Structure formats: C-alpha cells, structure tokens
Amino acid sequence: MKINKRSYYGDGSYNVTEGLKKRRISDWKRQGIICRKGETYEDLHNIYHNAVRCEACKLFFEGGRGTKSGKTKTGKCLDHNHTTGHFRQIICRSCNTHNSYVKYYIVDWLNMLGEY
C-alpha cells in the first residue's frame, strides 16, 4: 500500500501538511543540503514555507505551482551550493535555473580554481 503526502497517526487519522513537511525535509537531507549555522531542518522548512518573495528577483510567489501571471513567480526552490551543500536562499524556479548558474556556479568554480 502506497501512502503519499500523508502522515498517519496511531488512530488511523492523518495530517497532509505534516506529511509534506517530513517528505521535504527528508528530500533535503538525501540531497545533502546543509542548514545554516544554528538552524535546524525545522527552521529551514519554516523559512521555505513562509517565503512570499523570491530573494533574487524580489517578485512574489504565486500560491504553489501554476503559471506566471503579471508580476508573480511560480515554484519555490531551495537554493544551495552544490559543492558544499550549504543552503543560501529561497528563490523562484526561473532564478534557480538561470541566476544560480550565473551568480553562484561561476563564482564557486573560480573559488575552486583559487584553492587548486
């Protein structure tokens, strides 16, 4: 039996929100994402859940995964350094695919060259 997006309690009831939170935190750990100093994965989830704007382009997030409309962005992404795993910020999907590469990967690559 496949249980998807639900956290079951002993009495057979479930909490969808808590199940999604556990799954998201589990995914972050599996991907090797490391919290900022002094923060827990619970804190990181609260930052993610409460984010209303992309920290890169400053446009507001729409309510989940929809289409772009006007001056809003869809899809939150947890931006992190792919070399170290350290969490950086919450950004929209388009900034994650474009700006992350330009801003961070090139800087990370240049930093690695300097260490070499």
PDB file of N, CA and C in Angstrom:
ATOM      1  N   MET A   1       0.846  -1.177   0.000  1.00  0.00           N
ATOM      2  CA  MET A   1       0.000   0.000   0.000  1.00  0.00           C
ATOM      3  C   MET A   1       0.889   1.238   0.000  1.00  0.00           C
ATOM      4  N   LYS A   2       0.694   2.122  -0.953  1.00  0.00           N
ATOM      5  CA  LYS A   2       1.489   3.337  -1.074  1.00  0.00           C
ATOM      6  C   LYS A   2       0.789   4.482  -0.346  1.00  0.00           C
ATOM      7  N   ILE A   3       1.524   5.099   0.586  1.00  0.00           N
ATOM      8  CA  ILE A   3       0.994   6.244   1.317  1.00  0.00           C
ATOM      9  C   ILE A   3       1.728   7.465   0.785  1.00  0.00           C
ATOM     10  N   ASN A   4       0.996   8.377   0.169  1.00  0.00           N
ATOM     11  CA  ASN A   4       1.615   9.528  -0.476  1.00  0.00           C
ATOM     12  C   ASN A   4       1.119  10.830   0.137  1.00  0.00           C
ATOM     13  N   LYS A   5       2.067  11.695   0.563  1.00  0.00           N
ATOM     14  CA  LYS A   5       1.753  13.029   1.065  1.00  0.00           C
ATOM     15  C   LYS A   5       0.884  13.009   2.311  1.00  0.00           C
ATOM     16  N   ARG A   6       0.937  11.938   3.115  1.00  0.00           N
ATOM     17  CA  ARG A   6       0.127  11.871   4.317  1.00  0.00           C
ATOM     18  C   ARG A   6       0.951  11.327   5.463  1.00  0.00           C
ATOM     19  N   SER A   7       0.749  11.897   6.622  1.00  0.00           N
ATOM     20  CA  SER A   7       1.415  11.431   7.816  1.00  0.00           C
ATOM     21  C   SER A   7       0.349  10.787   8.703  1.00  0.00           C
ATOM     22  N   TYR A   8       0.400   9.477   8.854  1.00  0.00           N
ATOM     23  CA  TYR A   8      -0.614   8.767   9.601  1.00  0.00           C
ATOM     24  C   TYR A   8      -0.299   8.736  11.080  1.00  0.00           C
ATOM     25  N   TYR A   9      -1.349   8.851  11.908  1.00  0.00           N
ATOM     26  CA  TYR A   9      -1.212   8.743  13.351  1.00  0.00           C
ATOM     27  C   TYR A   9      -1.682   7.367  13.781  1.00  0.00           C
ATOM     28  N   GLY A  10      -1.454   7.007  15.012  1.00  0.00           N
ATOM     29  CA  GLY A  10      -1.824   5.687  15.526  1.00  0.00           C
ATOM     30  C   GLY A  10      -3.305   5.390  15.418  1.00  0.00           C
ATOM     31  N   ASP A  11      -4.146   6.411  15.466  1.00  0.00           N
ATOM     32  CA  ASP A  11      -5.594   6.193  15.407  1.00  0.00           C
ATOM     33  C   ASP A  11      -6.121   6.083  13.982  1.00  0.00           C
ATOM     34  N   GLY A  12      -5.221   6.113  12.998  1.00  0.00           N
ATOM     35  CA  GLY A  12      -5.642   5.968  11.610  1.00  0.00           C
ATOM     36  C   GLY A  12      -5.893   7.285  10.902  1.00  0.00           C
ATOM     37  N   SER A  13      -5.897   8.395  11.652  1.00  0.00           N
ATOM     38  CA  SER A  13      -6.080   9.700  11.016  1.00  0.00           C
ATOM     39  C   SER A  13      -4.748  10.159  10.431  1.00  0.00           C
ATOM     40  N   TYR A  14      -4.774  11.198   9.630  1.00  0.00           N
ATOM     41  CA  TYR A  14      -3.535  11.689   9.038  1.00  0.00           C
ATOM     42  C   TYR A  14      -3.537  13.205   8.914  1.00  0.00           C
ATOM     43  N   ASN A  15      -2.348  13.762   8.758  1.00  0.00           N
ATOM     44  CA  ASN A  15      -2.161  15.203   8.595  1.00  0.00           C
ATOM     45  C   ASN A  15      -1.344  15.405   7.323  1.00  0.00           C
ATOM     46  N   VAL A  16      -1.963  15.928   6.287  1.00  0.00           N
ATOM     47  CA  VAL A  16      -1.316  16.091   4.989  1.00  0.00           C
ATOM     48  C   VAL A  16      -0.142  17.065   5.085  1.00  0.00           C
ATOM     49  N   THR A  17      -0.327  18.185   5.770  1.00  0.00           N
ATOM     50  CA  THR A  17       0.722  19.197   5.878  1.00  0.00           C
ATOM     51  C   THR A  17       1.962  18.634   6.553  1.00  0.00           C
ATOM     52  N   GLU A  18       1.790  17.924   7.639  1.00  0.00           N
ATOM     53  CA  GLU A  18       2.925  17.343   8.359  1.00  0.00           C
ATOM     54  C   GLU A  18       3.637  16.297   7.502  1.00  0.00           C
ATOM     55  N   GLY A  19       2.885  15.546   6.711  1.00  0.00           N
ATOM     56  CA  GLY A  19       3.479  14.549   5.830  1.00  0.00           C
ATOM     57  C   GLY A  19       4.339  15.187   4.751  1.00  0.00           C
ATOM     58  N   LEU A  20       3.854  16.293   4.169  1.00  0.00           N
ATOM     59  CA  LEU A  20       4.626  17.012   3.149  1.00  0.00           C
ATOM     60  C   LEU A  20       5.899  17.594   3.746  1.00  0.00           C
ATOM     61  N   LYS A  21       5.790  18.105   4.954  1.00  0.00           N
ATOM     62  CA  LYS A  21       6.953  18.683   5.637  1.00  0.00           C
ATOM     63  C   LYS A  21       8.019  17.613   5.869  1.00  0.00           C
ATOM     64  N   LYS A  22       7.616  16.462   6.357  1.00  0.00           N
ATOM     65  CA  LYS A  22       8.565  15.371   6.609  1.00  0.00           C
ATOM     66  C   LYS A  22       9.221  14.912   5.316  1.00  0.00           C
ATOM     67  N   ARG A  23       8.434  14.815   4.263  1.00  0.00           N
ATOM     68  CA  ARG A  23       8.978  14.375   2.976  1.00  0.00           C
ATOM     69  C   ARG A  23       9.968  15.395   2.418  1.00  0.00           C
ATOM     70  N   ARG A  24       9.623  16.682   2.520  1.00  0.00           N
ATOM     71  CA  ARG A  24      10.505  17.733   2.017  1.00  0.00           C
ATOM     72  C   ARG A  24      11.837  17.730   2.777  1.00  0.00           C
ATOM     73  N   ILE A  25      11.785  17.637   4.109  1.00  0.00           N
ATOM     74  CA  ILE A  25      12.997  17.605   4.927  1.00  0.00           C
ATOM     75  C   ILE A  25      13.818  16.369   4.597  1.00  0.00           C
ATOM     76  N   SER A  26      13.153  15.244   4.424  1.00  0.00           N
ATOM     77  CA  SER A  26      13.843  14.009   4.061  1.00  0.00           C
ATOM     78  C   SER A  26      14.553  14.152   2.709  1.00  0.00           C
ATOM     79  N   ASP A  27      13.886  14.784   1.746  1.00  0.00           N
ATOM     80  CA  ASP A  27      14.487  15.020   0.423  1.00  0.00           C
ATOM     81  C   ASP A  27      15.713  15.919   0.532  1.00  0.00           C
ATOM     82  N   TRP A  28      15.612  16.974   1.346  1.00  0.00           N
ATOM     83  CA  TRP A  28      16.749  17.879   1.514  1.00  0.00           C
ATOM     84  C   TRP A  28      17.952  17.157   2.108  1.00  0.00           C
ATOM     85  N   LYS A  29      17.686  16.315   3.104  1.00  0.00           N
ATOM     86  CA  LYS A  29      18.784  15.557   3.727  1.00  0.00           C
ATOM     87  C   LYS A  29      19.407  14.600   2.715  1.00  0.00           C
ATOM     88  N   ARG A  30      18.560  13.930   1.933  1.00  0.00           N
ATOM     89  CA  ARG A  30      19.046  12.988   0.927  1.00  0.00           C
ATOM     90  C   ARG A  30      19.886  13.693  -0.136  1.00  0.00           C
ATOM     91  N   GLN A  31      19.525  14.937  -0.467  1.00  0.00           N
ATOM     92  CA  GLN A  31      20.255  15.725  -1.462  1.00  0.00           C
ATOM     93  C   GLN A  31      21.528  16.344  -0.888  1.00  0.00           C
ATOM     94  N   GLY A  32      21.745  16.185   0.414  1.00  0.00           N
ATOM     95  CA  GLY A  32      22.956  16.690   1.041  1.00  0.00           C
ATOM     96  C   GLY A  32      22.915  18.167   1.386  1.00  0.00           C
ATOM     97  N   ILE A  33      21.709  18.731   1.514  1.00  0.00           N
ATOM     98  CA  ILE A  33      21.589  20.144   1.859  1.00  0.00           C
ATOM     99  C   ILE A  33      21.905  20.334   3.340  1.00  0.00           C
ATOM    100  N   ILE A  34      22.741  21.329   3.617  1.00  0.00           N
ATOM    101  CA  ILE A  34      23.185  21.604   4.972  1.00  0.00           C
ATOM    102  C   ILE A  34      22.593  22.933   5.423  1.00  0.00           C
ATOM    103  N   CYS A  35      22.008  22.936   6.607  1.00  0.00           N
ATOM    104  CA  CYS A  35      21.414  24.160   7.163  1.00  0.00           C
ATOM    105  C   CYS A  35      22.491  25.167   7.516  1.00  0.00           C
ATOM    106  N   ARG A  36      22.081  26.439   7.599  1.00  0.00           N
ATOM    107  CA  ARG A  36      22.994  27.479   8.046  1.00  0.00           C
ATOM    108  C   ARG A  36      23.294  27.263   9.521  1.00  0.00           C
ATOM    109  N   LYS A  37      24.412  27.807   9.967  1.00  0.00           N
ATOM    110  CA  LYS A  37      24.865  27.626  11.341  1.00  0.00           C
ATOM    111  C   LYS A  37      23.780  28.059  12.326  1.00  0.00           C
ATOM    112  N   GLY A  38      23.485  27.191  13.274  1.00  0.00           N
ATOM    113  CA  GLY A  38      22.492  27.491  14.300  1.00  0.00           C
ATOM    114  C   GLY A  38      21.062  27.179  13.898  1.00  0.00           C
ATOM    115  N   GLU A  39      20.838  26.720  12.667  1.00  0.00           N
ATOM    116  CA  GLU A  39      19.488  26.405  12.204  1.00  0.00           C
ATOM    117  C   GLU A  39      19.300  24.896  12.095  1.00  0.00           C
ATOM    118  N   THR A  40      18.064  24.478  12.269  1.00  0.00           N
ATOM    119  CA  THR A  40      17.704  23.070  12.102  1.00  0.00           C
ATOM    120  C   THR A  40      16.923  22.923  10.801  1.00  0.00           C
ATOM    121  N   TYR A  41      16.638  21.680  10.424  1.00  0.00           N
ATOM    122  CA  TYR A  41      15.816  21.454   9.233  1.00  0.00           C
ATOM    123  C   TYR A  41      14.396  21.965   9.448  1.00  0.00           C
ATOM    124  N   GLU A  42      13.921  21.949  10.694  1.00  0.00           N
ATOM    125  CA  GLU A  42      12.608  22.535  11.011  1.00  0.00           C
ATOM    126  C   GLU A  42      12.632  24.034  10.703  1.00  0.00           C
ATOM    127  N   ASP A  43      13.709  24.716  11.120  1.00  0.00           N
ATOM    128  CA  ASP A  43      13.850  26.151  10.834  1.00  0.00           C
ATOM    129  C   ASP A  43      13.881  26.388   9.325  1.00  0.00           C
ATOM    130  N   LEU A  44      14.632  25.563   8.632  1.00  0.00           N
ATOM    131  CA  LEU A  44      14.759  25.682   7.181  1.00  0.00           C
ATOM    132  C   LEU A  44      13.403  25.503   6.504  1.00  0.00           C
ATOM    133  N   HIS A  45      12.628  24.548   6.983  1.00  0.00           N
ATOM    134  CA  HIS A  45      11.297  24.331   6.421  1.00  0.00           C
ATOM    135  C   HIS A  45      10.398  25.531   6.687  1.00  0.00           C
ATOM    136  N   ASN A  46      10.491  26.112   7.879  1.00  0.00           N
ATOM    137  CA  ASN A  46       9.683  27.299   8.182  1.00  0.00           C
ATOM    138  C   ASN A  46      10.067  28.468   7.283  1.00  0.00           C
ATOM    139  N   ILE A  47      11.349  28.644   7.025  1.00  0.00           N
ATOM    140  CA  ILE A  47      11.813  29.699   6.111  1.00  0.00           C
ATOM    141  C   ILE A  47      11.221  29.451   4.724  1.00  0.00           C
ATOM    142  N   TYR A  48      11.311  28.196   4.252  1.00  0.00           N
ATOM    143  CA  TYR A  48      10.784  27.823   2.933  1.00  0.00           C
ATOM    144  C   TYR A  48       9.275  28.049   2.865  1.00  0.00           C
ATOM    145  N   HIS A  49       8.577  27.555   3.859  1.00  0.00           N
ATOM    146  CA  HIS A  49       7.114  27.610   3.874  1.00  0.00           C
ATOM    147  C   HIS A  49       6.599  29.051   3.948  1.00  0.00           C
ATOM    148  N   ASN A  50       7.286  29.904   4.704  1.00  0.00           N
ATOM    149  CA  ASN A  50       6.830  31.284   4.909  1.00  0.00           C
ATOM    150  C   ASN A  50       7.352  32.273   3.876  1.00  0.00           C
ATOM    151  N   ALA A  51       8.213  31.832   2.966  1.00  0.00           N
ATOM    152  CA  ALA A  51       8.751  32.733   1.940  1.00  0.00           C
ATOM    153  C   ALA A  51       7.628  33.187   1.011  1.00  0.00           C
ATOM    154  N   VAL A  52       7.525  34.495   0.806  1.00  0.00           N
ATOM    155  CA  VAL A  52       6.492  35.043  -0.070  1.00  0.00           C
ATOM    156  C   VAL A  52       7.086  35.708  -1.309  1.00  0.00           C
ATOM    157  N   ARG A  53       8.405  35.955  -1.288  1.00  0.00           N
ATOM    158  CA  ARG A  53       9.098  36.584  -2.419  1.00  0.00           C
ATOM    159  C   ARG A  53      10.354  35.823  -2.759  1.00  0.00           C
ATOM    160  N   CYS A  54      10.715  35.883  -4.021  1.00  0.00           N
ATOM    161  CA  CYS A  54      11.997  35.354  -4.471  1.00  0.00           C
ATOM    162  C   CYS A  54      13.082  36.289  -3.941  1.00  0.00           C
ATOM    163  N   GLU A  55      14.089  35.742  -3.281  1.00  0.00           N
ATOM    164  CA  GLU A  55      15.143  36.583  -2.705  1.00  0.00           C
ATOM    165  C   GLU A  55      16.092  37.124  -3.776  1.00  0.00           C
ATOM    166  N   ALA A  56      16.033  36.581  -4.985  1.00  0.00           N
ATOM    167  CA  ALA A  56      16.897  37.064  -6.062  1.00  0.00           C
ATOM    168  C   ALA A  56      16.222  38.183  -6.860  1.00  0.00           C
ATOM    169  N   CYS A  57      15.025  37.921  -7.397  1.00  0.00           N
ATOM    170  CA  CYS A  57      14.358  38.919  -8.254  1.00  0.00           C
ATOM    171  C   CYS A  57      13.308  39.737  -7.511  1.00  0.00           C
ATOM    172  N   LYS A  58      12.997  39.357  -6.276  1.00  0.00           N
ATOM    173  CA  LYS A  58      12.064  40.087  -5.388  1.00  0.00           C
ATOM    174  C   LYS A  58      10.612  40.041  -5.819  1.00  0.00           C
ATOM    175  N   LEU A  59      10.263  39.233  -6.819  1.00  0.00           N
ATOM    176  CA  LEU A  59       8.859  39.093  -7.197  1.00  0.00           C
ATOM    177  C   LEU A  59       8.174  38.115  -6.250  1.00  0.00           C
ATOM    178  N   PHE A  60       6.862  38.304  -6.074  1.00  0.00           N
ATOM    179  CA  PHE A  60       6.096  37.449  -5.176  1.00  0.00           C
ATOM    180  C   PHE A  60       5.877  36.076  -5.786  1.00  0.00           C
ATOM    181  N   PHE A  61       5.775  35.058  -4.923  1.00  0.00           N
ATOM    182  CA  PHE A  61       5.421  33.707  -5.367  1.00  0.00           C
ATOM    183  C   PHE A  61       3.918  33.613  -5.496  1.00  0.00           C
ATOM    184  N   GLU A  62       3.452  32.880  -6.507  1.00  0.00           N
ATOM    185  CA  GLU A  62       2.035  32.539  -6.587  1.00  0.00           C
ATOM    186  C   GLU A  62       1.804  31.425  -5.591  1.00  0.00           C
ATOM    187  N   GLY A  63       0.575  31.066  -5.387  1.00  0.00           N
ATOM    188  CA  GLY A  63       0.245  30.040  -4.403  1.00  0.00           C
ATOM    189  C   GLY A  63       0.568  28.639  -4.874  1.00  0.00           C
ATOM    190  N   GLY A  64       1.809  28.334  -5.114  1.00  0.00           N
ATOM    191  CA  GLY A  64       2.201  26.986  -5.478  1.00  0.00           C
ATOM    192  C   GLY A  64       2.744  26.904  -6.877  1.00  0.00           C
ATOM    193  N   ARG A  65       2.389  25.825  -7.562  1.00  0.00           N
ATOM    194  CA  ARG A  65       2.916  25.589  -8.902  1.00  0.00           C
ATOM    195  C   ARG A  65       1.841  25.875  -9.937  1.00  0.00           C
ATOM    196  N   GLY A  66       1.888  27.038 -10.488  1.00  0.00           N
ATOM    197  CA  GLY A  66       0.932  27.397 -11.528  1.00  0.00           C
ATOM    198  C   GLY A  66       1.672  27.988 -12.702  1.00  0.00           C
ATOM    199  N   THR A  67       1.056  28.933 -13.342  1.00  0.00           N
ATOM    200  CA  THR A  67       1.729  29.592 -14.457  1.00  0.00           C
ATOM    201  C   THR A  67       2.063  31.012 -14.056  1.00  0.00           C
ATOM    202  N   LYS A  68       3.001  31.625 -14.751  1.00  0.00           N
ATOM    203  CA  LYS A  68       3.344  33.012 -14.463  1.00  0.00           C
ATOM    204  C   LYS A  68       2.185  33.915 -14.875  1.00  0.00           C
ATOM    205  N   SER A  69       1.913  34.887 -14.047  1.00  0.00           N
ATOM    206  CA  SER A  69       0.880  35.859 -14.415  1.00  0.00           C
ATOM    207  C   SER A  69       1.252  37.212 -13.815  1.00  0.00           C
ATOM    208  N   GLY A  70       1.363  38.193 -14.644  1.00  0.00           N
ATOM    209  CA  GLY A  70       1.695  39.516 -14.156  1.00  0.00           C
ATOM    210  C   GLY A  70       3.073  39.561 -13.521  1.00  0.00           C
ATOM    211  N   LYS A  71       3.133  40.065 -12.296  1.00  0.00           N
ATOM    212  CA  LYS A  71       4.413  40.217 -11.611  1.00  0.00           C
ATOM    213  C   LYS A  71       4.544  39.220 -10.472  1.00  0.00           C
ATOM    214  N   THR A  72       4.226  37.985 -10.733  1.00  0.00           N
ATOM    215  CA  THR A  72       4.405  36.934  -9.736  1.00  0.00           C
ATOM    216  C   THR A  72       5.213  35.810 -10.348  1.00  0.00           C
ATOM    217  N   LYS A  73       5.806  34.987  -9.503  1.00  0.00           N
ATOM    218  CA  LYS A  73       6.612  33.852  -9.955  1.00  0.00           C
ATOM    219  C   LYS A  73       6.029  32.571  -9.376  1.00  0.00           C
ATOM    220  N   THR A  74       6.275  31.474 -10.033  1.00  0.00           N
ATOM    221  CA  THR A  74       5.784  30.194  -9.559  1.00  0.00           C
ATOM    222  C   THR A  74       6.933  29.344  -9.047  1.00  0.00           C
ATOM    223  N   GLY A  75       6.605  28.452  -8.162  1.00  0.00           N
ATOM    224  CA  GLY A  75       7.549  27.449  -7.701  1.00  0.00           C
ATOM    225  C   GLY A  75       8.704  27.974  -6.873  1.00  0.00           C
ATOM    226  N   LYS A  76       8.713  27.607  -5.602  1.00  0.00           N
ATOM    227  CA  LYS A  76       9.824  27.956  -4.721  1.00  0.00           C
ATOM    228  C   LYS A  76      10.924  26.919  -4.870  1.00  0.00           C
ATOM    229  N   CYS A  77      12.152  27.367  -4.800  1.00  0.00           N
ATOM    230  CA  CYS A  77      13.312  26.473  -4.829  1.00  0.00           C
ATOM    231  C   CYS A  77      14.233  26.822  -3.678  1.00  0.00           C
ATOM    232  N   LEU A  78      14.796  25.800  -3.081  1.00  0.00           N
ATOM    233  CA  LEU A  78      15.766  25.998  -2.022  1.00  0.00           C
ATOM    234  C   LEU A  78      17.132  26.044  -2.682  1.00  0.00           C
ATOM    235  N   ASP A  79      17.691  27.228  -2.804  1.00  0.00           N
ATOM    236  CA  ASP A  79      18.979  27.410  -3.466  1.00  0.00           C
ATOM    237  C   ASP A  79      20.087  27.008  -2.506  1.00  0.00           C
ATOM    238  N   HIS A  80      21.039  26.236  -3.003  1.00  0.00           N
ATOM    239  CA  HIS A  80      22.152  25.783  -2.177  1.00  0.00           C
ATOM    240  C   HIS A  80      23.400  25.607  -3.023  1.00  0.00           C
ATOM    241  N   ASN A  81      24.530  25.635  -2.375  1.00  0.00           N
ATOM    242  CA  ASN A  81      25.813  25.424  -3.037  1.00  0.00           C
ATOM    243  C   ASN A  81      25.929  23.936  -3.347  1.00  0.00           C
ATOM    244  N   HIS A  82      26.081  23.595  -4.598  1.00  0.00           N
ATOM    245  CA  HIS A  82      26.125  22.185  -4.982  1.00  0.00           C
ATOM    246  C   HIS A  82      27.445  21.516  -4.620  1.00  0.00           C
ATOM    247  N   THR A  83      28.453  22.296  -4.302  1.00  0.00           N
ATOM    248  CA  THR A  83      29.734  21.732  -3.898  1.00  0.00           C
ATOM    249  C   THR A  83      29.735  21.412  -2.406  1.00  0.00           C
ATOM    250  N   THR A  84      29.296  22.383  -1.593  1.00  0.00           N
ATOM    251  CA  THR A  84      29.325  22.202  -0.135  1.00  0.00           C
ATOM    252  C   THR A  84      28.002  21.732   0.432  1.00  0.00           C
ATOM    253  N   GLY A  85      26.896  21.994  -0.274  1.00  0.00           N
ATOM    254  CA  GLY A  85      25.576  21.628   0.212  1.00  0.00           C
ATOM    255  C   GLY A  85      24.928  22.682   1.084  1.00  0.00           C
ATOM    256  N   HIS A  86      25.607  23.776   1.350  1.00  0.00           N
ATOM    257  CA  HIS A  86      25.071  24.804   2.241  1.00  0.00           C
ATOM    258  C   HIS A  86      23.920  25.575   1.605  1.00  0.00           C
ATOM    259  N   PHE A  87      22.849  25.725   2.399  1.00  0.00           N
ATOM    260  CA  PHE A  87      21.668  26.485   1.996  1.00  0.00           C
ATOM    261  C   PHE A  87      22.034  27.952   1.831  1.00  0.00           C
ATOM    262  N   ARG A  88      21.492  28.583   0.767  1.00  0.00           N
ATOM    263  CA  ARG A  88      21.745  30.004   0.533  1.00  0.00           C
ATOM    264  C   ARG A  88      20.488  30.839   0.719  1.00  0.00           C
ATOM    265  N   GLN A  89      19.428  30.520  -0.050  1.00  0.00           N
ATOM    266  CA  GLN A  89      18.226  31.352  -0.026  1.00  0.00           C
ATOM    267  C   GLN A  89      17.069  30.623  -0.696  1.00  0.00           C
ATOM    268  N   ILE A  90      15.868  31.201  -0.570  1.00  0.00           N
ATOM    269  CA  ILE A  90      14.683  30.684  -1.255  1.00  0.00           C
ATOM    270  C   ILE A  90      14.459  31.558  -2.480  1.00  0.00           C
ATOM    271  N   ILE A  91      14.450  30.938  -3.656  1.00  0.00           N
ATOM    272  CA  ILE A  91      14.273  31.684  -4.904  1.00  0.00           C
ATOM    273  C   ILE A  91      13.235  30.991  -5.788  1.00  0.00           C
ATOM    274  N   CYS A  92      12.802  31.700  -6.825  1.00  0.00           N
ATOM    275  CA  CYS A  92      11.823  31.131  -7.759  1.00  0.00           C
ATOM    276  C   CYS A  92      12.531  30.180  -8.733  1.00  0.00           C
ATOM    277  N   ARG A  93      11.729  29.400  -9.406  1.00  0.00           N
ATOM    278  CA  ARG A  93      12.264  28.394 -10.323  1.00  0.00           C
ATOM    279  C   ARG A  93      13.083  29.013 -11.458  1.00  0.00           C
ATOM    280  N   SER A  94      12.633  30.139 -12.008  1.00  0.00           N
ATOM    281  CA  SER A  94      13.385  30.719 -13.121  1.00  0.00           C
ATOM    282  C   SER A  94      14.720  31.294 -12.649  1.00  0.00           C
ATOM    283  N   CYS A  95      14.750  31.903 -11.477  1.00  0.00           N
ATOM    284  CA  CYS A  95      16.028  32.390 -10.937  1.00  0.00           C
ATOM    285  C   CYS A  95      16.941  31.219 -10.592  1.00  0.00           C
ATOM    286  N   ASN A  96      16.351  30.125 -10.143  1.00  0.00           N
ATOM    287  CA  ASN A  96      17.151  28.951  -9.785  1.00  0.00           C
ATOM    288  C   ASN A  96      17.845  28.363 -11.010  1.00  0.00           C
ATOM    289  N   THR A  97      17.159  28.367 -12.135  1.00  0.00           N
ATOM    290  CA  THR A  97      17.759  27.767 -13.326  1.00  0.00           C
ATOM    291  C   THR A  97      18.667  28.728 -14.063  1.00  0.00           C
ATOM    292  N   HIS A  98      18.427  30.028 -13.947  1.00  0.00           N
ATOM    293  CA  HIS A  98      19.261  30.993 -14.671  1.00  0.00           C
ATOM    294  C   HIS A  98      20.264  31.691 -13.758  1.00  0.00           C
ATOM    295  N   ASN A  99      19.764  32.438 -12.800  1.00  0.00           N
ATOM    296  CA  ASN A  99      20.633  33.245 -11.949  1.00  0.00           C
ATOM    297  C   ASN A  99      21.588  32.408 -11.109  1.00  0.00           C
ATOM    298  N   SER A 100      21.139  31.264 -10.665  1.00  0.00           N
ATOM    299  CA  SER A 100      22.013  30.430  -9.841  1.00  0.00           C
ATOM    300  C   SER A 100      23.268  30.078 -10.609  1.00  0.00           C
ATOM    301  N   TYR A 101      23.090  29.729 -11.853  1.00  0.00           N
ATOM    302  CA  TYR A 101      24.258  29.355 -12.646  1.00  0.00           C
ATOM    303  C   TYR A 101      25.197  30.539 -12.794  1.00  0.00           C
ATOM    304  N   VAL A 102      24.633  31.671 -13.175  1.00  0.00           N
ATOM    305  CA  VAL A 102      25.460  32.847 -13.423  1.00  0.00           C
ATOM    306  C   VAL A 102      26.116  33.342 -12.139  1.00  0.00           C
ATOM    307  N   LYS A 103      25.306  33.497 -11.075  1.00  0.00           N
ATOM    308  CA  LYS A 103      25.826  34.090  -9.850  1.00  0.00           C
ATOM    309  C   LYS A 103      26.712  33.152  -9.049  1.00  0.00           C
ATOM    310  N   TYR A 104      26.298  31.911  -8.937  1.00  0.00           N
ATOM    311  CA  TYR A 104      26.951  31.040  -7.972  1.00  0.00           C
ATOM    312  C   TYR A 104      27.905  30.019  -8.574  1.00  0.00           C
ATOM    313  N   TYR A 105      27.490  29.349  -9.631  1.00  0.00           N
ATOM    314  CA  TYR A 105      28.340  28.294 -10.155  1.00  0.00           C
ATOM    315  C   TYR A 105      29.656  28.834 -10.696  1.00  0.00           C
ATOM    316  N   ILE A 106      29.595  29.957 -11.367  1.00  0.00           N
ATOM    317  CA  ILE A 106      30.833  30.536 -11.886  1.00  0.00           C
ATOM    318  C   ILE A 106      31.711  30.998 -10.725  1.00  0.00           C
ATOM    319  N   VAL A 107      31.099  31.628  -9.710  1.00  0.00           N
ATOM    320  CA  VAL A 107      31.859  32.054  -8.529  1.00  0.00           C
ATOM    321  C   VAL A 107      32.433  30.842  -7.809  1.00  0.00           C
ATOM    322  N   ASP A 108      31.625  29.794  -7.636  1.00  0.00           N
ATOM    323  CA  ASP A 108      32.105  28.568  -6.986  1.00  0.00           C
ATOM    324  C   ASP A 108      33.258  27.963  -7.781  1.00  0.00           C
ATOM    325  N   TRP A 109      33.125  27.953  -9.090  1.00  0.00           N
ATOM    326  CA  TRP A 109      34.164  27.379  -9.943  1.00  0.00           C
ATOM    327  C   TRP A 109      35.460  28.176  -9.818  1.00  0.00           C
ATOM    328  N   LEU A 110      35.350  29.513  -9.831  1.00  0.00           N
ATOM    329  CA  LEU A 110      36.524  30.359  -9.690  1.00  0.00           C
ATOM    330  C   LEU A 110      37.171  30.182  -8.310  1.00  0.00           C
ATOM    331  N   ASN A 111      36.344  30.023  -7.274  1.00  0.00           N
ATOM    332  CA  ASN A 111      36.875  29.779  -5.936  1.00  0.00           C
ATOM    333  C   ASN A 111      37.625  28.454  -5.877  1.00  0.00           C
ATOM    334  N   MET A 112      37.086  27.443  -6.529  1.00  0.00           N
ATOM    335  CA  MET A 112      37.769  26.147  -6.542  1.00  0.00           C
ATOM    336  C   MET A 112      39.102  26.255  -7.282  1.00  0.00           C
ATOM    337  N   LEU A 113      39.143  27.042  -8.350  1.00  0.00           N
ATOM    338  CA  LEU A 113      40.399  27.228  -9.075  1.00  0.00           C
ATOM    339  C   LEU A 113      41.435  27.893  -8.170  1.00  0.00           C
ATOM    340  N   GLY A 114      40.988  28.849  -7.366  1.00  0.00           N
ATOM    341  CA  GLY A 114      41.894  29.534  -6.462  1.00  0.00           C
ATOM    342  C   GLY A 114      42.465  28.609  -5.398  1.00  0.00           C
ATOM    343  N   GLU A 115      41.680  27.591  -4.989  1.00  0.00           N
ATOM    344  CA  GLU A 115      42.137  26.627  -3.991  1.00  0.00           C
ATOM    345  C   GLU A 115      43.062  25.599  -4.605  1.00  0.00           C
ATOM    346  N   TYR A 116      42.972  25.427  -5.927  1.00  0.00           N
ATOM    347  CA  TYR A 116      43.775  24.443  -6.616  1.00  0.00           C
ATOM    348  C   TYR A 116      45.179  24.940  -6.714  1.00  0.00           C
TER     349      TYR A 116
END
